[in-house]
Amino acid sequence: MNGQHDWAKYWLSCCDDPESFFEQYGWQTSAIQPGDEGASFGRFTCQFSDPSLIDKPHLYFIAACRQE
C-alpha cells in the first residue's frame, strides 16, 4: 500500500495540543494544519480533523523559537 497514510505511520505522536506541549519546555510555537491559511498553497486536498477534536488524527506544521 502506497498512499498518504503510508508515510504518516512514521510520524506518530501523542500530543493533541503541540503549542501547550512545547511551551512547558520554554518554546514559543505556532502550529497550523495543512490546508489552513498560510499552509495550503493548493497542495493539500484532503480535510484534516478540527484541532479541538481530541484523540483524532492531526497533522501539524510547527514553527518554534526558544524563549531565553
C-alpha atoms as a PDB file:
ATOM      1  CA  MET A   1       0.000   0.000   0.000  1.00  0.00           C
ATOM      2  CA  ASN A   2       1.475   3.300  -1.033  1.00  0.00           C
ATOM      3  CA  GLY A   3      -0.600   6.332  -0.122  1.00  0.00           C
ATOM      4  CA  GLN A   4      -0.990   9.280   2.198  1.00  0.00           C
ATOM      5  CA  HIS A   5      -1.464   7.065   5.260  1.00  0.00           C
ATOM      6  CA  ASP A   6       1.657   5.027   4.477  1.00  0.00           C
ATOM      7  CA  TRP A   7       4.075   7.887   5.219  1.00  0.00           C
ATOM      8  CA  ALA A   8       2.082   9.099   8.229  1.00  0.00           C
ATOM      9  CA  LYS A   9       2.861   5.977  10.269  1.00  0.00           C
ATOM     10  CA  TYR A  10       6.414   7.263  10.810  1.00  0.00           C
ATOM     11  CA  TRP A  11       5.249  10.474  12.462  1.00  0.00           C
ATOM     12  CA  LEU A  12       3.124   9.151  15.320  1.00  0.00           C
ATOM     13  CA  SER A  13       2.810  11.340  18.380  1.00  0.00           C
ATOM     14  CA  CYS A  14       0.534  11.588  21.372  1.00  0.00           C
ATOM     15  CA  CYS A  15       0.234  15.363  21.526  1.00  0.00           C
ATOM     16  CA  ASP A  16      -3.229  16.834  20.934  1.00  0.00           C
ATOM     17  CA  ASP A  17      -2.031  20.393  21.670  1.00  0.00           C
ATOM     18  CA  PRO A  18       1.546  20.877  20.419  1.00  0.00           C
ATOM     19  CA  GLU A  19       1.660  24.582  21.312  1.00  0.00           C
ATOM     20  CA  SER A  20       0.999  23.913  25.009  1.00  0.00           C
ATOM     21  CA  PHE A  21       3.324  20.921  24.995  1.00  0.00           C
ATOM     22  CA  PHE A  22       6.312  22.873  23.674  1.00  0.00           C
ATOM     23  CA  GLU A  23       5.529  25.919  25.821  1.00  0.00           C
ATOM     24  CA  GLN A  24       6.144  23.941  29.004  1.00  0.00           C
ATOM     25  CA  TYR A  25       9.717  23.344  27.792  1.00  0.00           C
ATOM     26  CA  GLY A  26      10.402  27.005  27.012  1.00  0.00           C
ATOM     27  CA  TRP A  27       9.419  27.149  23.345  1.00  0.00           C
ATOM     28  CA  GLN A  28       7.125  29.711  21.759  1.00  0.00           C
ATOM     29  CA  THR A  29       5.316  27.918  18.941  1.00  0.00           C
ATOM     30  CA  SER A  30       2.812  28.366  16.178  1.00  0.00           C
ATOM     31  CA  ALA A  31       1.070  25.229  14.864  1.00  0.00           C
ATOM     32  CA  ILE A  32      -1.090  25.063  11.748  1.00  0.00           C
ATOM     33  CA  GLN A  33      -2.511  22.177   9.773  1.00  0.00           C
ATOM     34  CA  PRO A  34      -2.022  21.623   6.051  1.00  0.00           C
ATOM     35  CA  GLY A  35      -4.800  23.356   4.178  1.00  0.00           C
ATOM     36  CA  ASP A  36      -5.120  26.136   6.768  1.00  0.00           C
ATOM     37  CA  GLU A  37      -4.434  29.714   5.730  1.00  0.00           C
ATOM     38  CA  GLY A  38      -0.674  30.068   5.430  1.00  0.00           C
ATOM     39  CA  ALA A  39      -0.146  26.340   4.841  1.00  0.00           C
ATOM     40  CA  SER A  40      -2.245  25.432   1.838  1.00  0.00           C
ATOM     41  CA  PHE A  41      -0.771  26.531  -1.481  1.00  0.00           C
ATOM     42  CA  GLY A  42      -3.141  24.125  -3.284  1.00  0.00           C
ATOM     43  CA  ARG A  43      -1.160  21.031  -2.294  1.00  0.00           C
ATOM     44  CA  PHE A  44      -3.462  19.523   0.303  1.00  0.00           C
ATOM     45  CA  THR A  45      -6.866  18.453  -0.929  1.00  0.00           C
ATOM     46  CA  CYS A  46      -7.901  16.213   1.974  1.00  0.00           C
ATOM     47  CA  GLN A  47      -9.643  17.641   5.030  1.00  0.00           C
ATOM     48  CA  PHE A  48      -7.900  17.205   8.390  1.00  0.00           C
ATOM     49  CA  SER A  49      -9.658  16.847  11.739  1.00  0.00           C
ATOM     50  CA  ASP A  50     -10.503  20.026  13.633  1.00  0.00           C
ATOM     51  CA  PRO A  51      -7.753  20.634  16.243  1.00  0.00           C
ATOM     52  CA  SER A  52     -10.365  20.857  19.008  1.00  0.00           C
ATOM     53  CA  LEU A  53     -11.285  17.188  18.487  1.00  0.00           C
ATOM     54  CA  ILE A  54      -9.224  15.188  20.973  1.00  0.00           C
ATOM     55  CA  ASP A  55      -7.968  11.709  20.055  1.00  0.00           C
ATOM     56  CA  LYS A  56      -8.441  12.267  16.323  1.00  0.00           C
ATOM     57  CA  PRO A  57      -5.534  12.134  13.860  1.00  0.00           C
ATOM     58  CA  HIS A  58      -3.903  15.511  13.247  1.00  0.00           C
ATOM     59  CA  LEU A  59      -1.011  16.755  11.184  1.00  0.00           C
ATOM     60  CA  TYR A  60       0.733  19.996  12.162  1.00  0.00           C
ATOM     61  CA  PHE A  61       3.405  22.250  10.753  1.00  0.00           C
ATOM     62  CA  ILE A  62       5.160  23.820  13.729  1.00  0.00           C
ATOM     63  CA  ALA A  63       7.383  26.893  13.851  1.00  0.00           C
ATOM     64  CA  ALA A  64       9.138  27.399  17.181  1.00  0.00           C
ATOM     65  CA  CYS A  65      11.576  29.757  18.887  1.00  0.00           C
ATOM     66  CA  ARG A  66      13.333  29.006  22.147  1.00  0.00           C
ATOM     67  CA  GLN A  67      12.454  31.534  24.849  1.00  0.00           C
ATOM     68  CA  GLU A  68      15.576  32.704  26.687  1.00  0.00           C
END
